[in-house]
C-alpha atoms as a PDB file:
ATOM      1  CA  MET A   1      41.859 125.054 225.836  1.00  0.00           C
ATOM      2  CA  ARG A   2      45.475 126.286 226.621  1.00  0.00           C
ATOM      3  CA  THR A   3      46.734 122.668 226.760  1.00  0.00           C
ATOM      4  CA  LEU A   4      44.923 121.760 223.388  1.00  0.00           C
ATOM      5  CA  MET A   5      46.443 124.776 221.839  1.00  0.00           C
ATOM      6  CA  THR A   6      49.969 124.068 223.032  1.00  0.00           C
ATOM      7  CA  THR A   7      49.753 120.343 221.868  1.00  0.00           C
ATOM      8  CA  SER A   8      48.631 121.637 218.400  1.00  0.00           C
ATOM      9  CA  LEU A   9      51.375 124.082 218.169  1.00  0.00           C
ATOM     10  CA  LEU A  10      53.963 121.361 219.057  1.00  0.00           C
ATOM     11  CA  LEU A  11      52.550 118.899 216.456  1.00  0.00           C
ATOM     12  CA  ALA A  12      52.663 121.630 213.748  1.00  0.00           C
ATOM     13  CA  ALA A  13      56.322 122.337 214.627  1.00  0.00           C
ATOM     14  CA  VAL A  14      57.236 118.749 214.515  1.00  0.00           C
ATOM     15  CA  LEU A  15      55.487 118.196 211.168  1.00  0.00           C
ATOM     16  CA  GLY A  16      56.793 121.341 209.717  1.00  0.00           C
ATOM     17  CA  GLY A  17      60.383 120.412 210.773  1.00  0.00           C
ATOM     18  CA  CYS A  18      60.086 116.973 209.156  1.00  0.00           C
ATOM     19  CA  ALA A  19      58.771 118.522 205.866  1.00  0.00           C
ATOM     20  CA  ALA A  20      61.493 121.047 205.712  1.00  0.00           C
ATOM     21  CA  ALA A  21      64.315 118.416 206.185  1.00  0.00           C
ATOM     22  CA  PRO A  22      66.628 118.620 203.130  1.00  0.00           C
ATOM     23  CA  ALA A  23      67.526 115.469 201.153  1.00  0.00           C
ATOM     24  CA  VAL A  24      70.909 114.132 201.812  1.00  0.00           C
ATOM     25  CA  ASP A  25      73.307 114.004 198.819  1.00  0.00           C
ATOM     26  CA  THR A  26      75.339 110.991 199.314  1.00  0.00           C
ATOM     27  CA  GLY A  27      77.196 111.321 195.927  1.00  0.00           C
ATOM     28  CA  PRO A  28      77.657 108.839 193.203  1.00  0.00           C
ATOM     29  CA  GLU A  29      76.809 105.284 193.838  1.00  0.00           C
ATOM     30  CA  LYS A  30      80.043 103.139 194.393  1.00  0.00           C
ATOM     31  CA  LEU A  31      79.971 100.021 192.116  1.00  0.00           C
ATOM     32  CA  LYS A  32      82.463  97.370 191.024  1.00  0.00           C
ATOM     33  CA  VAL A  33      82.578  94.504 188.384  1.00  0.00           C
ATOM     34  CA  SER A  34      81.335  91.133 189.063  1.00  0.00           C
ATOM     35  CA  VAL A  35      82.801  88.907 186.286  1.00  0.00           C
ATOM     36  CA  LEU A  36      80.403  86.446 184.797  1.00  0.00           C
ATOM     37  CA  SER A  37      82.393  85.105 181.900  1.00  0.00           C
ATOM     38  CA  GLU A  38      85.533  85.821 179.692  1.00  0.00           C
ATOM     39  CA  LEU A  39      85.944  85.885 176.035  1.00  0.00           C
ATOM     40  CA  PRO A  40      89.066  86.100 173.852  1.00  0.00           C
ATOM     41  CA  HIS A  41      89.929  89.503 172.392  1.00  0.00           C
ATOM     42  CA  ASP A  42      92.296  90.615 169.671  1.00  0.00           C
ATOM     43  CA  PRO A  43      95.581  91.557 171.504  1.00  0.00           C
ATOM     44  CA  GLU A  44      96.492  93.675 168.458  1.00  0.00           C
ATOM     45  CA  ALA A  45      93.294  95.700 168.673  1.00  0.00           C
ATOM     46  CA  PHE A  46      93.850  99.081 170.085  1.00  0.00           C
ATOM     47  CA  THR A  47      90.171  99.337 171.045  1.00  0.00           C
ATOM     48  CA  GLN A  48      88.315 102.745 170.839  1.00  0.00           C
ATOM     49  CA  GLY A  49      84.608 101.688 170.525  1.00  0.00           C
ATOM     50  CA  LEU A  50      82.649  98.690 171.505  1.00  0.00           C
ATOM     51  CA  GLU A  51      78.934  98.222 170.842  1.00  0.00           C
ATOM     52  CA  PHE A  52      76.277  95.579 170.234  1.00  0.00           C
ATOM     53  CA  SER A  53      73.591  95.900 167.713  1.00  0.00           C
ATOM     54  CA  GLY A  54      71.484  92.745 168.255  1.00  0.00           C
ATOM     55  CA  GLU A  55      73.747  89.875 168.549  1.00  0.00           C
ATOM     56  CA  THR A  56      76.506  91.505 166.522  1.00  0.00           C
ATOM     57  CA  LEU A  57      79.445  93.134 168.380  1.00  0.00           C
ATOM     58  CA  TYR A  58      80.959  96.068 166.618  1.00  0.00           C
ATOM     59  CA  GLU A  59      84.443  97.225 167.460  1.00  0.00           C
ATOM     60  CA  GLY A  60      86.432 100.481 166.335  1.00  0.00           C
ATOM     61  CA  THR A  61      90.159 100.457 166.649  1.00  0.00           C
ATOM     62  CA  GLY A  62      92.792 103.360 166.595  1.00  0.00           C
ATOM     63  CA  LEU A  63      96.424 104.113 165.700  1.00  0.00           C
ATOM     64  CA  VAL A  64      97.368 105.513 162.251  1.00  0.00           C
ATOM     65  CA  GLY A  65      97.974 102.401 160.021  1.00  0.00           C
ATOM     66  CA  LYS A  66      96.020 100.003 162.289  1.00  0.00           C
ATOM     67  CA  SER A  67      92.556 101.721 162.570  1.00  0.00           C
ATOM     68  CA  SER A  68      89.711  99.825 161.527  1.00  0.00           C
ATOM     69  CA  MET A  69      85.989  98.930 162.153  1.00  0.00           C
ATOM     70  CA  ARG A  70      84.924  95.336 162.409  1.00  0.00           C
ATOM     71  CA  ALA A  71      81.813  93.377 163.225  1.00  0.00           C
ATOM     72  CA  GLY A  72      80.850  89.761 164.176  1.00  0.00           C
ATOM     73  CA  PRO A  73      79.962  87.355 166.978  1.00  0.00           C
ATOM     74  CA  ALA A  74      81.362  88.300 170.388  1.00  0.00           C
ATOM     75  CA  GLY A  75      84.590  86.509 171.102  1.00  0.00           C
ATOM     76  CA  ALA A  76      85.076  85.288 167.459  1.00  0.00           C
ATOM     77  CA  ALA A  77      87.152  86.604 164.691  1.00  0.00           C
ATOM     78  CA  PRO A  78      85.101  89.425 162.969  1.00  0.00           C
ATOM     79  CA  SER A  79      83.091  88.384 160.009  1.00  0.00           C
ATOM     80  CA  VAL A  80      83.303  91.879 158.418  1.00  0.00           C
ATOM     81  CA  ARG A  81      86.172  94.421 158.697  1.00  0.00           C
ATOM     82  CA  GLN A  82      87.118  97.657 157.010  1.00  0.00           C
ATOM     83  CA  GLU A  83      90.430  99.447 157.331  1.00  0.00           C
ATOM     84  CA  LEU A  84      90.724 103.201 157.930  1.00  0.00           C
ATOM     85  CA  PRO A  85      93.919 104.122 156.261  1.00  0.00           C
ATOM     86  CA  GLY A  86      95.850 107.287 157.198  1.00  0.00           C
ATOM     87  CA  LEU A  87      93.519 108.150 159.888  1.00  0.00           C
ATOM     88  CA  PHE A  88      93.454 107.606 163.792  1.00  0.00           C
ATOM     89  CA  GLY A  89      90.069 105.732 164.472  1.00  0.00           C
ATOM     90  CA  GLU A  90      88.230 106.454 167.680  1.00  0.00           C
ATOM     91  CA  GLY A  91      84.505 105.791 169.020  1.00  0.00           C
ATOM     92  CA  ILE A  92      81.792 104.033 167.041  1.00  0.00           C
ATOM     93  CA  THR A  93      78.154 103.683 167.231  1.00  0.00           C
ATOM     94  CA  VAL A  94      75.406 101.854 165.175  1.00  0.00           C
ATOM     95  CA  LEU A  95      71.775 103.021 164.426  1.00  0.00           C
ATOM     96  CA  GLY A  96      69.937 100.549 162.388  1.00  0.00           C
ATOM     97  CA  PRO A  97      71.314 100.483 158.859  1.00  0.00           C
ATOM     98  CA  THR A  98      73.833 103.269 159.857  1.00  0.00           C
ATOM     99  CA  ALA A  99      77.274 103.069 161.610  1.00  0.00           C
ATOM    100  CA  TRP A 100      79.389 105.970 162.568  1.00  0.00           C
ATOM    101  CA  GLN A 101      83.151 106.087 163.332  1.00  0.00           C
ATOM    102  CA  ILE A 102      84.878 109.210 164.467  1.00  0.00           C
ATOM    103  CA  THR A 103      88.595 110.154 164.368  1.00  0.00           C
ATOM    104  CA  TRP A 104      90.888 111.529 166.998  1.00  0.00           C
ATOM    105  CA  GLN A 105      92.388 114.797 165.600  1.00  0.00           C
ATOM    106  CA  ASP A 106      91.490 114.445 161.957  1.00  0.00           C
ATOM    107  CA  GLY A 107      88.052 116.169 162.373  1.00  0.00           C
ATOM    108  CA  VAL A 108      86.365 113.602 160.299  1.00  0.00           C
ATOM    109  CA  ALA A 109      83.328 111.246 161.061  1.00  0.00           C
ATOM    110  CA  ILE A 110      82.838 108.265 158.656  1.00  0.00           C
ATOM    111  CA  GLU A 111      79.242 107.143 157.941  1.00  0.00           C
ATOM    112  CA  ARG A 112      79.204 103.426 157.104  1.00  0.00           C
ATOM    113  CA  ASP A 113      76.882 100.761 155.971  1.00  0.00           C
ATOM    114  CA  ALA A 114      76.181  98.800 159.165  1.00  0.00           C
ATOM    115  CA  LYS A 115      76.092  95.494 157.455  1.00  0.00           C
ATOM    116  CA  THR A 116      79.175  95.613 155.166  1.00  0.00           C
ATOM    117  CA  LEU A 117      80.891  98.545 156.967  1.00  0.00           C
ATOM    118  CA  ALA A 118      81.542 100.061 153.538  1.00  0.00           C
ATOM    119  CA  GLU A 119      82.147 103.846 153.796  1.00  0.00           C
ATOM    120  CA  ARG A 120      79.263 105.900 152.406  1.00  0.00           C
ATOM    121  CA  ARG A 121      80.448 109.500 153.269  1.00  0.00           C
ATOM    122  CA  ARG A 122      82.570 111.660 155.468  1.00  0.00           C
ATOM    123  CA  VAL A 123      81.680 114.794 157.464  1.00  0.00           C
ATOM    124  CA  THR A 124      83.671 117.206 159.308  1.00  0.00           C
ATOM    125  CA  TYR A 125      83.572 118.459 162.832  1.00  0.00           C
ATOM    126  CA  THR A 126      85.618 120.818 165.118  1.00  0.00           C
ATOM    127  CA  GLY A 127      87.801 119.565 167.925  1.00  0.00           C
ATOM    128  CA  GLU A 128      88.802 116.094 168.943  1.00  0.00           C
ATOM    129  CA  GLY A 129      86.762 112.881 168.725  1.00  0.00           C
ATOM    130  CA  TRP A 130      87.098 110.311 171.634  1.00  0.00           C
ATOM    131  CA  GLY A 131      83.877 108.219 172.342  1.00  0.00           C
ATOM    132  CA  LEU A 132      80.472 107.941 170.674  1.00  0.00           C
ATOM    133  CA  CYS A 133      77.134 106.355 171.341  1.00  0.00           C
ATOM    134  CA  HIS A 134      73.444 106.933 170.569  1.00  0.00           C
ATOM    135  CA  GLN A 135      70.546 107.762 172.804  1.00  0.00           C
ATOM    136  CA  ASN A 136      66.879 109.058 172.263  1.00  0.00           C
ATOM    137  CA  GLY A 137      67.409 109.764 168.621  1.00  0.00           C
ATOM    138  CA  ARG A 138      70.578 111.570 168.956  1.00  0.00           C
ATOM    139  CA  LEU A 139      74.393 110.870 169.051  1.00  0.00           C
ATOM    140  CA  VAL A 140      76.593 111.549 172.222  1.00  0.00           C
ATOM    141  CA  MET A 141      80.175 112.281 171.612  1.00  0.00           C
ATOM    142  CA  SER A 142      83.154 112.883 173.968  1.00  0.00           C
ATOM    143  CA  ASP A 143      86.332 114.849 173.097  1.00  0.00           C
ATOM    144  CA  GLY A 144      88.527 113.990 176.205  1.00  0.00           C
ATOM    145  CA  SER A 145      87.260 116.994 178.110  1.00  0.00           C
ATOM    146  CA  SER A 146      84.415 117.102 180.755  1.00  0.00           C
ATOM    147  CA  LYS A 147      81.901 117.817 178.019  1.00  0.00           C
ATOM    148  CA  LEU A 148      79.423 115.621 176.211  1.00  0.00           C
ATOM    149  CA  THR A 149      78.190 116.888 172.893  1.00  0.00           C
ATOM    150  CA  PHE A 150      74.799 115.966 171.404  1.00  0.00           C
ATOM    151  CA  ARG A 151      74.775 115.537 167.618  1.00  0.00           C
ATOM    152  CA  ASP A 152      72.137 115.032 164.857  1.00  0.00           C
ATOM    153  CA  PRO A 153      72.265 111.351 163.670  1.00  0.00           C
ATOM    154  CA  VAL A 154      72.013 112.284 160.023  1.00  0.00           C
ATOM    155  CA  SER A 155      73.860 115.563 159.691  1.00  0.00           C
ATOM    156  CA  PHE A 156      76.339 115.048 162.671  1.00  0.00           C
ATOM    157  CA  ALA A 157      75.894 118.697 163.528  1.00  0.00           C
ATOM    158  CA  PRO A 158      75.980 119.604 167.312  1.00  0.00           C
ATOM    159  CA  THR A 159      72.735 120.082 168.849  1.00  0.00           C
ATOM    160  CA  GLY A 160      73.685 120.861 172.426  1.00  0.00           C
ATOM    161  CA  SER A 161      76.012 119.791 175.143  1.00  0.00           C
ATOM    162  CA  VAL A 162      76.287 119.093 179.048  1.00  0.00           C
ATOM    163  CA  ASP A 163      79.272 119.346 181.345  1.00  0.00           C
ATOM    164  CA  VAL A 164      80.057 116.463 183.558  1.00  0.00           C
ATOM    165  CA  GLY A 165      82.601 118.049 185.824  1.00  0.00           C
ATOM    166  CA  ARG A 166      85.010 115.227 185.229  1.00  0.00           C
ATOM    167  CA  ASP A 167      87.483 115.363 182.263  1.00  0.00           C
ATOM    168  CA  GLN A 168      89.221 112.583 180.257  1.00  0.00           C
ATOM    169  CA  LEU A 169      85.948 111.195 179.248  1.00  0.00           C
ATOM    170  CA  ASN A 170      86.746 108.562 176.673  1.00  0.00           C
ATOM    171  CA  GLU A 171      84.700 105.724 175.148  1.00  0.00           C
ATOM    172  CA  LEU A 172      80.849 105.889 175.668  1.00  0.00           C
ATOM    173  CA  GLU A 173      77.935 103.589 175.985  1.00  0.00           C
ATOM    174  CA  CYS A 174      74.377 104.855 176.019  1.00  0.00           C
ATOM    175  CA  VAL A 175      71.830 102.830 178.107  1.00  0.00           C
ATOM    176  CA  GLY A 176      68.472 104.353 178.540  1.00  0.00           C
ATOM    177  CA  ASP A 177      68.953 108.005 179.814  1.00  0.00           C
ATOM    178  CA  SER A 178      72.358 107.249 181.179  1.00  0.00           C
ATOM    179  CA  VAL A 179      75.758 107.247 179.596  1.00  0.00           C
ATOM    180  CA  TYR A 180      78.543 105.188 180.737  1.00  0.00           C
ATOM    181  CA  ALA A 181      82.121 106.638 180.107  1.00  0.00           C
ATOM    182  CA  ASN A 182      85.515 105.094 180.421  1.00  0.00           C
ATOM    183  CA  VAL A 183      87.837 107.712 182.197  1.00  0.00           C
ATOM    184  CA  TRP A 184      91.225 107.714 180.139  1.00  0.00           C
ATOM    185  CA  GLN A 185      94.108 106.293 181.920  1.00  0.00           C
ATOM    186  CA  THR A 186      92.115 104.902 184.786  1.00  0.00           C
ATOM    187  CA  ASP A 187      90.256 101.655 185.589  1.00  0.00           C
ATOM    188  CA  ARG A 188      87.013 103.627 186.295  1.00  0.00           C
ATOM    189  CA  ILE A 189      83.774 104.061 184.521  1.00  0.00           C
ATOM    190  CA  LEU A 190      81.321 106.713 185.187  1.00  0.00           C
ATOM    191  CA  ARG A 191      77.527 106.433 184.901  1.00  0.00           C
ATOM    192  CA  ILE A 192      76.210 109.885 183.917  1.00  0.00           C
ATOM    193  CA  ASP A 193      72.727 111.244 183.792  1.00  0.00           C
ATOM    194  CA  ALA A 194      72.729 112.677 180.157  1.00  0.00           C
ATOM    195  CA  ALA A 195      70.090 115.415 180.923  1.00  0.00           C
ATOM    196  CA  SER A 196      72.046 117.199 183.722  1.00  0.00           C
ATOM    197  CA  GLY A 197      75.444 115.837 183.543  1.00  0.00           C
ATOM    198  CA  ARG A 198      75.421 114.526 187.044  1.00  0.00           C
ATOM    199  CA  VAL A 199      77.620 111.533 187.829  1.00  0.00           C
ATOM    200  CA  THR A 200      75.362 109.048 189.421  1.00  0.00           C
ATOM    201  CA  GLY A 201      77.752 106.053 189.577  1.00  0.00           C
ATOM    202  CA  GLU A 202      81.435 105.291 189.717  1.00  0.00           C
ATOM    203  CA  ILE A 203      82.545 101.776 188.831  1.00  0.00           C
ATOM    204  CA  ASP A 204      85.808 100.247 189.887  1.00  0.00           C
ATOM    205  CA  ALA A 205      86.915  97.952 187.046  1.00  0.00           C
ATOM    206  CA  SER A 206      90.396  97.304 188.322  1.00  0.00           C
ATOM    207  CA  GLY A 207      92.154  93.996 188.725  1.00  0.00           C
ATOM    208  CA  LEU A 208      90.651  92.330 185.551  1.00  0.00           C
ATOM    209  CA  LEU A 209      94.049  91.395 183.867  1.00  0.00           C
ATOM    210  CA  THR A 210      96.988  89.461 185.411  1.00  0.00           C
ATOM    211  CA  PRO A 211     100.247  91.238 186.101  1.00  0.00           C
ATOM    212  CA  GLY A 212     101.745  89.580 183.093  1.00  0.00           C
ATOM    213  CA  GLU A 213      98.803  90.636 180.750  1.00  0.00           C
ATOM    214  CA  ARG A 214      99.218  94.272 182.096  1.00  0.00           C
ATOM    215  CA  GLY A 215     102.663  94.361 180.866  1.00  0.00           C
ATOM    216  CA  SER A 216     101.859  94.268 177.059  1.00  0.00           C
ATOM    217  CA  ALA A 217      98.202  95.854 177.448  1.00  0.00           C
ATOM    218  CA  ASP A 218      97.159  99.450 177.469  1.00  0.00           C
ATOM    219  CA  VAL A 219      94.169 101.144 179.227  1.00  0.00           C
ATOM    220  CA  LEU A 220      90.723 100.072 179.845  1.00  0.00           C
ATOM    221  CA  ASN A 221      88.620 101.200 176.988  1.00  0.00           C
ATOM    222  CA  GLY A 222      85.514  99.555 175.534  1.00  0.00           C
ATOM    223  CA  ILE A 223      82.127  99.036 177.181  1.00  0.00           C
ATOM    224  CA  ALA A 224      79.112  97.469 175.356  1.00  0.00           C
ATOM    225  CA  ALA A 225      75.723  96.790 177.003  1.00  0.00           C
ATOM    226  CA  VAL A 226      74.642  93.212 176.362  1.00  0.00           C
ATOM    227  CA  PRO A 227      70.969  93.674 174.870  1.00  0.00           C
ATOM    228  CA  GLY A 228      68.110  92.812 177.348  1.00  0.00           C
ATOM    229  CA  THR A 229      70.392  91.560 180.173  1.00  0.00           C
ATOM    230  CA  GLY A 230      71.622  94.431 182.336  1.00  0.00           C
ATOM    231  CA  GLU A 231      75.103  93.130 181.684  1.00  0.00           C
ATOM    232  CA  PHE A 232      78.114  94.556 179.956  1.00  0.00           C
ATOM    233  CA  LEU A 233      81.051  93.366 177.846  1.00  0.00           C
ATOM    234  CA  ILE A 234      84.265  95.461 178.760  1.00  0.00           C
ATOM    235  CA  THR A 235      87.820  95.390 177.531  1.00  0.00           C
ATOM    236  CA  GLY A 236      90.745  97.591 176.922  1.00  0.00           C
ATOM    237  CA  LYS A 237      93.359  98.567 174.324  1.00  0.00           C
ATOM    238  CA  LEU A 238      95.627  95.602 173.343  1.00  0.00           C
ATOM    239  CA  TRP A 239      93.850  93.499 175.861  1.00  0.00           C
ATOM    240  CA  PRO A 240      93.778  89.779 175.168  1.00  0.00           C
ATOM    241  CA  ARG A 241      90.433  89.067 176.897  1.00  0.00           C
ATOM    242  CA  MET A 242      86.962  90.692 177.198  1.00  0.00           C
ATOM    243  CA  PHE A 243      84.794  90.270 180.269  1.00  0.00           C
ATOM    244  CA  ARG A 244      81.147  89.841 180.615  1.00  0.00           C
ATOM    245  CA  VAL A 245      80.209  91.588 183.848  1.00  0.00           C
ATOM    246  CA  LYS A 246      77.646  93.139 186.060  1.00  0.00           C
ATOM    247  CA  PHE A 247      78.038  96.257 187.931  1.00  0.00           C
ATOM    248  CA  VAL A 248      77.268  95.539 191.577  1.00  0.00           C
ATOM    249  CA  PRO A 249      77.545  97.629 194.958  1.00  0.00           C
ATOM    250  CA  ASN A 250      81.146  98.112 196.063  1.00  0.00           C
ATOM    251  CA  SER A 251      80.569  97.180 199.733  1.00  0.00           C
END
């Protein structure tokens, strides 16, 4: 009886110890880009936003006097283009018949017709505008800080926010429950869980341009999920090329 009791106590202790073992947090998944193909990109485009809607690639560009929103087949000259005179354009996103384009320090968001890109109206917001995407019936916006702000897709009013704990969040791409964010002045892209703000992946996108191309190009900025593929199109400000890539383990 004593032997049986001792065995039972030892078994309970072992099982209890296993059940109590805490999960190990290994941090964000480390990823890199695997280039599948290359496409030409307008080297005069100061890219601030990049997004597919169906097979149409939308791009928003910045700099006062050079800001625009354009749309067309990826890798070809845009079939539709609208200028944004007097303002510094930033991120864009497209929800069905509606496209949104934000501005850097002007505090203005422009609602456009997604087919013609004609301006419908303007709404104001507080603070800076950097990146924009849409997810689960809401807009997600960055302002260069560590915060992502959620906004109503019709009124553009803020509905909540989440802190990521990493600042310089720039151009955004929403994919499922995740938000991919270019980190300004780096070759890194973060994958963020939008519900918690936790960074679940860190992508190294360095080495895409040649040394000669880097001399006239600006930073990595522009990420668009290719619908139905698990692949992405990425580029940067004043880059001569776009890259169709997969994100793979960085081992």
